[in-house]
N, C-alpha and C. Protein backbone atom coordinates (compact mmCIF):
# COMPACT_ATOMS: atom_id res chain seq x y z
N MET A 1 -0.22 -27.23 4.91
CA MET A 1 0.73 -25.72 4.46
C MET A 1 1.26 -25.31 5.23
N ILE A 2 2.71 -24.31 4.88
CA ILE A 2 3.44 -23.94 5.81
C ILE A 2 3.27 -22.33 5.79
N PHE A 3 3.05 -21.53 6.21
CA PHE A 3 2.93 -20.05 6.20
C PHE A 3 4.38 -19.29 6.69
N VAL A 4 4.95 -18.59 5.75
CA VAL A 4 6.25 -18.02 6.15
C VAL A 4 6.13 -16.63 6.05
N ASP A 5 7.06 -16.33 7.62
CA ASP A 5 7.11 -14.90 8.01
C ASP A 5 7.76 -14.03 7.11
N THR A 6 7.61 -12.97 7.56
CA THR A 6 8.28 -11.87 6.72
C THR A 6 9.87 -11.96 6.80
N ASN A 7 10.62 -12.27 7.74
CA ASN A 7 11.97 -13.05 7.78
C ASN A 7 12.14 -13.70 6.70
N VAL A 8 11.58 -14.79 6.37
CA VAL A 8 11.98 -15.63 5.73
C VAL A 8 11.90 -15.29 4.19
N ILE A 9 11.15 -14.45 3.67
CA ILE A 9 11.19 -13.85 2.51
C ILE A 9 11.84 -12.42 2.39
N SER A 10 12.28 -11.86 3.23
CA SER A 10 13.44 -10.84 3.14
C SER A 10 14.51 -11.37 3.15
N GLU A 11 14.78 -12.56 3.39
CA GLU A 11 16.04 -13.38 3.97
C GLU A 11 16.35 -13.44 2.37
N THR A 12 15.17 -13.90 1.43
CA THR A 12 15.37 -14.49 -0.02
C THR A 12 15.69 -12.92 -0.91
N LEU A 13 15.48 -12.10 -0.29
CA LEU A 13 15.40 -10.68 -1.11
C LEU A 13 16.67 -9.91 -0.51
N LYS A 14 17.63 -10.58 -0.05
CA LYS A 14 19.14 -9.95 -0.09
C LYS A 14 20.30 -10.03 -1.13
N LYS A 15 21.28 -9.36 -0.81
CA LYS A 15 22.16 -9.79 -2.22
C LYS A 15 22.84 -11.41 -1.94
N THR A 16 22.82 -11.99 -1.06
CA THR A 16 23.51 -13.25 -0.43
C THR A 16 22.51 -13.70 0.98
N PRO A 17 21.39 -14.72 0.18
CA PRO A 17 20.75 -14.74 1.50
C PRO A 17 21.11 -16.30 1.68
N ASP A 18 20.77 -16.61 2.94
CA ASP A 18 21.22 -17.65 3.58
C ASP A 18 20.74 -19.16 2.91
N GLU A 19 22.14 -19.62 2.68
CA GLU A 19 21.67 -20.99 2.38
C GLU A 19 21.03 -22.26 2.21
N ALA A 20 20.82 -22.05 3.53
CA ALA A 20 19.92 -23.10 4.12
C ALA A 20 18.74 -22.54 4.07
N VAL A 21 18.50 -21.46 4.11
CA VAL A 21 17.03 -21.01 4.16
C VAL A 21 16.63 -20.83 2.51
N ILE A 22 17.25 -20.90 1.64
CA ILE A 22 17.16 -21.07 0.37
C ILE A 22 17.01 -23.12 -0.41
N ALA A 23 17.31 -23.52 0.65
CA ALA A 23 17.18 -24.98 0.41
C ALA A 23 15.96 -25.23 0.91
N TRP A 24 15.60 -24.64 2.23
CA TRP A 24 14.63 -25.34 2.89
C TRP A 24 13.49 -24.68 1.92
N LEU A 25 13.55 -23.73 1.33
CA LEU A 25 12.04 -23.08 0.25
C LEU A 25 12.01 -23.94 -0.79
N ILE A 26 12.87 -24.51 -0.89
CA ILE A 26 13.22 -24.80 -2.56
C ILE A 26 12.57 -26.70 -1.89
N ARG A 27 12.98 -27.06 -1.06
CA ARG A 27 12.19 -28.48 -0.34
C ARG A 27 10.83 -28.46 0.15
N TYR A 28 10.49 -27.22 0.51
CA TYR A 28 9.06 -27.24 1.04
C TYR A 28 8.51 -26.45 -0.24
N ASP A 29 8.57 -25.91 -1.17
CA ASP A 29 7.98 -24.88 -2.11
C ASP A 29 6.36 -25.73 -2.11
N THR A 30 6.13 -26.55 -2.68
CA THR A 30 4.78 -27.02 -3.26
C THR A 30 3.96 -26.67 -1.69
N GLU A 31 4.52 -26.81 -0.43
CA GLU A 31 3.62 -26.52 0.83
C GLU A 31 3.42 -25.25 1.28
N LEU A 32 3.94 -23.96 0.78
CA LEU A 32 4.41 -22.77 1.37
C LEU A 32 3.12 -22.02 0.67
N ALA A 33 2.79 -21.03 1.64
CA ALA A 33 1.56 -20.01 1.44
C ALA A 33 2.33 -18.72 2.04
N LEU A 34 1.59 -17.75 1.32
CA LEU A 34 2.08 -16.18 2.22
C LEU A 34 1.14 -15.34 2.52
N PRO A 35 0.97 -15.41 3.92
CA PRO A 35 0.26 -14.03 4.36
C PRO A 35 -0.03 -12.68 3.69
N THR A 36 -1.27 -12.05 3.81
CA THR A 36 -0.78 -10.77 3.23
C THR A 36 -0.05 -9.56 3.86
N VAL A 37 -0.15 -9.95 5.38
CA VAL A 37 0.61 -8.97 6.49
C VAL A 37 2.23 -9.18 5.88
N THR A 38 2.69 -9.90 5.40
CA THR A 38 4.06 -10.45 5.34
C THR A 38 4.31 -9.34 3.89
N ILE A 39 3.40 -9.63 2.95
CA ILE A 39 3.54 -8.68 2.10
C ILE A 39 3.31 -7.26 2.23
N ALA A 40 2.78 -7.00 3.28
CA ALA A 40 2.56 -5.74 3.56
C ALA A 40 4.19 -5.16 4.07
N GLU A 41 4.22 -6.22 5.22
CA GLU A 41 5.24 -5.38 5.98
C GLU A 41 6.65 -5.52 5.01
N ILE A 42 6.48 -6.00 3.84
CA ILE A 42 8.20 -5.85 3.06
C ILE A 42 8.07 -4.48 2.22
N ALA A 43 6.37 -4.25 1.66
CA ALA A 43 5.78 -3.01 0.91
C ALA A 43 5.98 -1.93 1.77
N PHE A 44 6.13 -2.26 2.77
CA PHE A 44 6.22 -0.38 3.93
C PHE A 44 7.07 -0.15 3.29
N PRO A 45 8.58 -1.22 3.73
CA PRO A 45 9.91 -0.53 3.80
C PRO A 45 9.99 -0.20 2.71
N ILE A 46 9.80 -0.87 1.21
CA ILE A 46 10.38 -0.37 0.04
C ILE A 46 10.07 0.96 -0.41
N GLN A 47 8.60 1.33 0.00
CA GLN A 47 8.30 2.77 -0.12
C GLN A 47 8.78 3.77 0.49
N LYS A 48 9.66 3.26 1.86
CA LYS A 48 10.08 4.11 2.41
C LYS A 48 11.67 4.64 1.88
N ILE A 49 11.96 3.44 1.40
CA ILE A 49 13.65 3.88 0.95
C ILE A 49 13.65 4.47 -0.61
N ARG A 50 12.53 4.77 -1.37
CA ARG A 50 12.38 5.50 -2.68
C ARG A 50 12.90 6.35 -2.82
N PRO A 51 13.82 6.95 -3.21
CA PRO A 51 13.78 6.54 -4.79
C PRO A 51 15.24 5.64 -4.97
N ASP A 52 16.02 5.18 -3.46
CA ASP A 52 17.17 4.69 -3.68
C ASP A 52 17.27 2.93 -4.45
N GLN A 53 18.01 2.91 -4.71
CA GLN A 53 18.16 1.77 -6.19
C GLN A 53 17.67 0.76 -5.71
N ARG A 54 17.46 0.31 -4.37
CA ARG A 54 17.26 -0.84 -3.94
C ARG A 54 15.96 -1.23 -3.62
N ALA A 55 15.13 -0.08 -3.94
CA ALA A 55 13.61 -0.30 -4.00
C ALA A 55 13.02 -0.92 -5.18
N GLU A 56 13.61 -0.72 -6.09
CA GLU A 56 13.16 -1.07 -7.54
C GLU A 56 13.62 -2.78 -7.47
N ARG A 57 15.14 -3.09 -7.20
CA ARG A 57 15.10 -4.61 -6.63
C ARG A 57 14.44 -5.53 -6.21
N LEU A 58 14.19 -4.47 -4.79
CA LEU A 58 13.09 -5.32 -3.35
C LEU A 58 11.90 -5.44 -4.13
N LYS A 59 11.11 -4.41 -4.62
CA LYS A 59 9.85 -4.33 -5.36
C LYS A 59 10.06 -5.73 -6.42
N GLN A 60 10.67 -5.55 -7.15
CA GLN A 60 10.82 -6.68 -8.10
C GLN A 60 10.91 -8.16 -7.24
N GLY A 61 11.36 -8.19 -6.53
CA GLY A 61 11.48 -9.64 -5.54
C GLY A 61 10.30 -9.41 -4.91
N LEU A 62 9.44 -8.70 -4.36
CA LEU A 62 8.54 -8.66 -3.89
C LEU A 62 6.80 -9.22 -5.06
N SER A 63 7.60 -8.79 -5.93
CA SER A 63 6.55 -9.22 -6.93
C SER A 63 6.63 -10.82 -7.61
N ASP A 64 7.55 -10.78 -7.61
CA ASP A 64 7.92 -12.35 -8.00
C ASP A 64 7.33 -13.23 -6.70
N TRP A 65 7.51 -12.73 -5.71
CA TRP A 65 7.02 -13.55 -4.32
C TRP A 65 5.38 -13.89 -4.61
N ARG A 66 4.90 -12.45 -4.92
CA ARG A 66 3.23 -12.61 -5.24
C ARG A 66 2.83 -13.23 -6.16
N ARG A 67 3.62 -13.16 -7.46
CA ARG A 67 3.34 -13.79 -8.72
C ARG A 67 3.08 -15.62 -8.26
N ARG A 68 4.50 -15.93 -7.74
CA ARG A 68 4.45 -17.58 -7.54
C ARG A 68 3.11 -17.73 -6.59
N PHE A 69 3.18 -17.07 -5.67
CA PHE A 69 1.82 -17.76 -4.74
C PHE A 69 0.69 -17.15 -5.02
N ALA A 70 0.61 -16.63 -6.10
CA ALA A 70 -1.00 -15.79 -6.08
C ALA A 70 -1.99 -16.64 -5.90
N ASP A 71 -1.81 -18.03 -5.54
CA ASP A 71 -2.76 -18.99 -5.76
C ASP A 71 -2.58 -19.39 -4.15
N ARG A 72 -2.00 -19.17 -3.46
CA ARG A 72 -1.44 -19.30 -2.17
C ARG A 72 -1.13 -18.34 -0.98
N ILE A 73 -1.92 -17.27 -1.36
CA ILE A 73 -1.91 -15.94 -0.26
C ILE A 73 -3.37 -15.81 0.49
N PHE A 74 -2.75 -15.97 1.34
CA PHE A 74 -3.96 -15.73 2.48
C PHE A 74 -3.88 -14.50 3.83
N GLY A 75 -5.69 -13.56 3.24
CA GLY A 75 -5.44 -12.42 4.36
C GLY A 75 -6.25 -12.85 5.25
N LEU A 76 -6.52 -11.51 5.89
CA LEU A 76 -7.47 -11.21 7.32
C LEU A 76 -9.02 -11.55 6.73
N THR A 77 -9.64 -12.37 7.97
CA THR A 77 -10.76 -12.56 7.78
C THR A 77 -11.79 -12.49 8.83
N GLU A 78 -13.00 -12.32 9.26
CA GLU A 78 -13.58 -12.52 10.28
C GLU A 78 -12.92 -13.22 11.19
N GLU A 79 -12.88 -14.46 10.51
CA GLU A 79 -12.24 -15.94 11.55
C GLU A 79 -10.86 -15.79 11.79
N VAL A 80 -10.14 -14.96 10.96
CA VAL A 80 -8.68 -14.62 11.77
C VAL A 80 -8.55 -13.49 12.31
N ALA A 81 -9.61 -12.63 12.32
CA ALA A 81 -9.38 -11.49 13.26
C ALA A 81 -9.82 -11.60 14.58
N LEU A 82 -10.85 -13.14 14.74
CA LEU A 82 -11.21 -13.51 16.20
C LEU A 82 -9.95 -14.37 16.77
N VAL A 83 -9.31 -15.39 15.95
CA VAL A 83 -8.59 -16.18 16.36
C VAL A 83 -7.10 -14.90 16.81
N TYR A 84 -6.56 -13.97 16.48
CA TYR A 84 -6.08 -12.77 16.42
C TYR A 84 -5.95 -12.10 17.66
N GLY A 85 -7.31 -12.20 18.03
CA GLY A 85 -7.77 -12.03 19.17
C GLY A 85 -7.56 -12.99 20.65
N GLU A 86 -7.59 -14.02 20.33
CA GLU A 86 -7.46 -15.08 20.92
C GLU A 86 -5.76 -15.33 21.27
N ILE A 87 -4.67 -15.14 20.16
CA ILE A 87 -3.59 -15.32 20.07
C ILE A 87 -3.04 -14.07 20.95
N MET A 88 -3.63 -12.71 21.07
CA MET A 88 -3.04 -11.88 21.12
C MET A 88 -3.53 -12.03 22.94
N GLY A 89 -4.24 -12.17 22.99
CA GLY A 89 -4.81 -12.62 24.99
C GLY A 89 -3.84 -13.18 25.29
N ALA A 90 -3.68 -14.39 24.82
CA ALA A 90 -3.49 -15.71 25.32
C ALA A 90 -1.33 -15.13 25.38
N ALA A 91 -1.09 -14.48 24.72
CA ALA A 91 -0.18 -14.12 24.78
C ALA A 91 0.34 -12.68 25.57
N ALA A 92 -0.53 -11.76 25.87
CA ALA A 92 -0.69 -11.08 26.76
C ALA A 92 -0.57 -11.47 28.37
N ARG A 93 -1.32 -12.43 28.67
CA ARG A 93 -1.71 -13.34 29.67
C ARG A 93 -0.44 -13.89 30.09
N GLN A 94 0.35 -14.36 29.63
CA GLN A 94 1.68 -14.97 29.63
C GLN A 94 2.91 -13.70 30.04
N GLY A 95 2.81 -12.82 29.61
CA GLY A 95 3.59 -11.84 29.76
C GLY A 95 4.38 -11.71 28.57
N ARG A 96 4.06 -12.03 27.20
CA ARG A 96 4.93 -12.53 26.35
C ARG A 96 4.18 -11.64 24.94
N GLY A 97 4.84 -10.66 24.76
CA GLY A 97 4.35 -9.50 24.37
C GLY A 97 4.66 -9.70 22.32
N MET A 98 3.65 -9.86 21.72
CA MET A 98 3.80 -10.35 20.29
C MET A 98 3.52 -8.72 19.58
N SER A 99 4.32 -8.31 18.47
CA SER A 99 3.19 -7.65 17.83
C SER A 99 2.35 -7.58 17.03
N ALA A 100 2.15 -6.83 16.62
CA ALA A 100 0.20 -7.08 15.78
C ALA A 100 0.15 -7.92 14.31
N PRO A 101 1.42 -7.03 13.31
CA PRO A 101 1.73 -7.99 12.62
C PRO A 101 2.13 -9.20 12.97
N HIS A 102 2.75 -9.54 14.00
CA HIS A 102 3.20 -11.04 14.33
C HIS A 102 1.55 -11.48 14.55
N GLY A 103 0.83 -11.18 15.42
CA GLY A 103 -0.45 -11.94 15.81
C GLY A 103 -1.51 -11.74 14.54
N MET A 104 -1.34 -11.09 13.74
CA MET A 104 -1.72 -11.57 12.60
C MET A 104 -1.52 -12.45 11.69
N ILE A 105 -0.32 -12.85 11.38
CA ILE A 105 0.08 -13.52 10.59
C ILE A 105 0.05 -15.04 11.59
N ALA A 106 0.28 -14.82 12.78
CA ALA A 106 0.01 -16.44 13.72
C ALA A 106 -1.79 -16.84 13.41
N ALA A 107 -2.46 -15.65 13.16
CA ALA A 107 -3.74 -16.44 13.23
C ALA A 107 -4.43 -16.38 11.85
N ILE A 108 -3.27 -16.15 10.75
CA ILE A 108 -3.55 -16.27 9.40
C ILE A 108 -3.27 -17.85 9.15
N ALA A 109 -2.05 -18.07 9.84
CA ALA A 109 -1.44 -19.15 9.55
C ALA A 109 -2.37 -20.69 10.27
N ARG A 110 -2.85 -20.16 11.79
CA ARG A 110 -3.33 -21.03 12.81
C ARG A 110 -4.56 -21.61 12.14
N VAL A 111 -5.62 -20.41 11.03
CA VAL A 111 -6.88 -20.90 10.63
C VAL A 111 -6.73 -21.53 9.50
N ASN A 112 -5.63 -21.38 8.69
CA ASN A 112 -5.32 -21.74 7.63
C ASN A 112 -4.59 -23.20 7.45
N GLY A 113 -3.72 -23.35 8.55
CA GLY A 113 -2.96 -24.94 8.46
C GLY A 113 -2.33 -24.66 9.67
N GLY A 114 -1.76 -23.95 10.59
CA GLY A 114 -1.52 -24.26 11.60
C GLY A 114 0.07 -24.57 11.62
N ARG A 115 1.10 -24.04 10.56
CA ARG A 115 2.26 -24.06 10.50
C ARG A 115 2.80 -23.01 10.16
N LEU A 116 3.81 -22.51 10.91
CA LEU A 116 5.05 -21.37 9.96
C LEU A 116 6.36 -21.67 10.55
N ALA A 117 6.90 -20.55 9.13
CA ALA A 117 8.27 -20.85 9.04
C ALA A 117 8.85 -19.33 9.70
N THR A 118 9.44 -19.36 10.21
CA THR A 118 9.93 -17.84 11.14
C THR A 118 11.33 -18.24 11.73
N ARG A 119 12.15 -17.04 11.90
CA ARG A 119 13.08 -16.81 12.41
C ARG A 119 13.10 -16.94 13.76
N ASN A 120 11.90 -15.93 14.12
CA ASN A 120 11.35 -15.85 15.81
C ASN A 120 10.71 -16.64 16.38
N LEU A 121 11.32 -17.82 16.18
CA LEU A 121 10.39 -19.00 17.00
C LEU A 121 9.76 -18.32 18.46
N THR A 122 10.83 -17.97 19.30
CA THR A 122 10.19 -17.34 20.56
C THR A 122 9.45 -16.65 20.91
N GLU A 123 8.99 -15.84 19.69
CA GLU A 123 8.07 -14.93 19.85
C GLU A 123 6.48 -15.66 19.08
N PHE A 124 6.54 -16.44 18.96
CA PHE A 124 5.33 -17.23 18.07
C PHE A 124 5.22 -18.46 19.08
N GLU A 125 5.99 -18.78 20.13
CA GLU A 125 6.07 -19.82 20.95
C GLU A 125 4.26 -19.91 21.76
N THR A 126 3.57 -18.95 22.18
CA THR A 126 2.47 -18.83 22.33
C THR A 126 1.12 -19.11 21.47
N ALA A 127 1.17 -19.31 20.22
CA ALA A 127 0.38 -19.10 19.17
C ALA A 127 -0.53 -19.86 19.09
N GLY A 128 0.09 -21.34 19.60
CA GLY A 128 -0.51 -22.65 18.77
C GLY A 128 -0.09 -23.13 17.39
N LEU A 129 1.19 -22.82 17.17
CA LEU A 129 1.39 -22.92 16.07
C LEU A 129 2.31 -24.21 16.01
N VAL A 130 2.72 -25.23 14.67
CA VAL A 130 3.98 -25.62 14.63
C VAL A 130 4.66 -25.10 14.17
N LEU A 131 6.32 -24.60 14.38
CA LEU A 131 7.27 -24.00 14.26
C LEU A 131 8.17 -24.35 13.41
N THR A 132 8.57 -24.06 12.79
CA THR A 132 9.91 -24.37 12.05
C THR A 132 10.83 -22.97 12.01
N SER A 133 11.99 -23.35 12.10
CA SER A 133 13.26 -22.37 11.22
C SER A 133 13.85 -22.51 9.93
N PRO A 134 13.41 -22.31 8.91
CA PRO A 134 14.13 -22.50 7.64
C PRO A 134 16.38 -21.91 7.85
N TRP A 135 16.30 -21.20 9.07
CA TRP A 135 17.87 -21.41 8.93
C TRP A 135 18.71 -22.20 9.96
N GLU A 136 17.64 -23.07 10.22
CA GLU A 136 18.26 -24.34 11.05
C GLU A 136 17.97 -25.60 9.79
N PHE A 137 17.82 -25.55 8.66
CA PHE A 137 17.52 -26.74 7.72
C PHE A 137 18.73 -27.35 7.80
């Protein structure tokens, strides 16, 4: 399974998404999974910009992703929480800060498959994951 970081999903919600990202998503569709943290990171800005018209378009896009991946959405568990601590501790010891949401996404990916698609390759380097960037497809 390849977990998708928030920036991959956000790219698809743009009026003109990057063609390489769309091609990559089509190519790997059956292998993709969605972390609940990604849903949260998209849901918050949608609520923040309400009642802007963009909010409805973005909300529909997120709803489409959630429906499409209903059987491939993974969240925080006790095991993921412990791995999150390991990932964040390792990053801190190496002087490589990582945001809490990215640490949670990395932990979900590591516990459930070990692969992550993101544009932020450098931030996830210490997480012990196989990384790929759909922008380089």
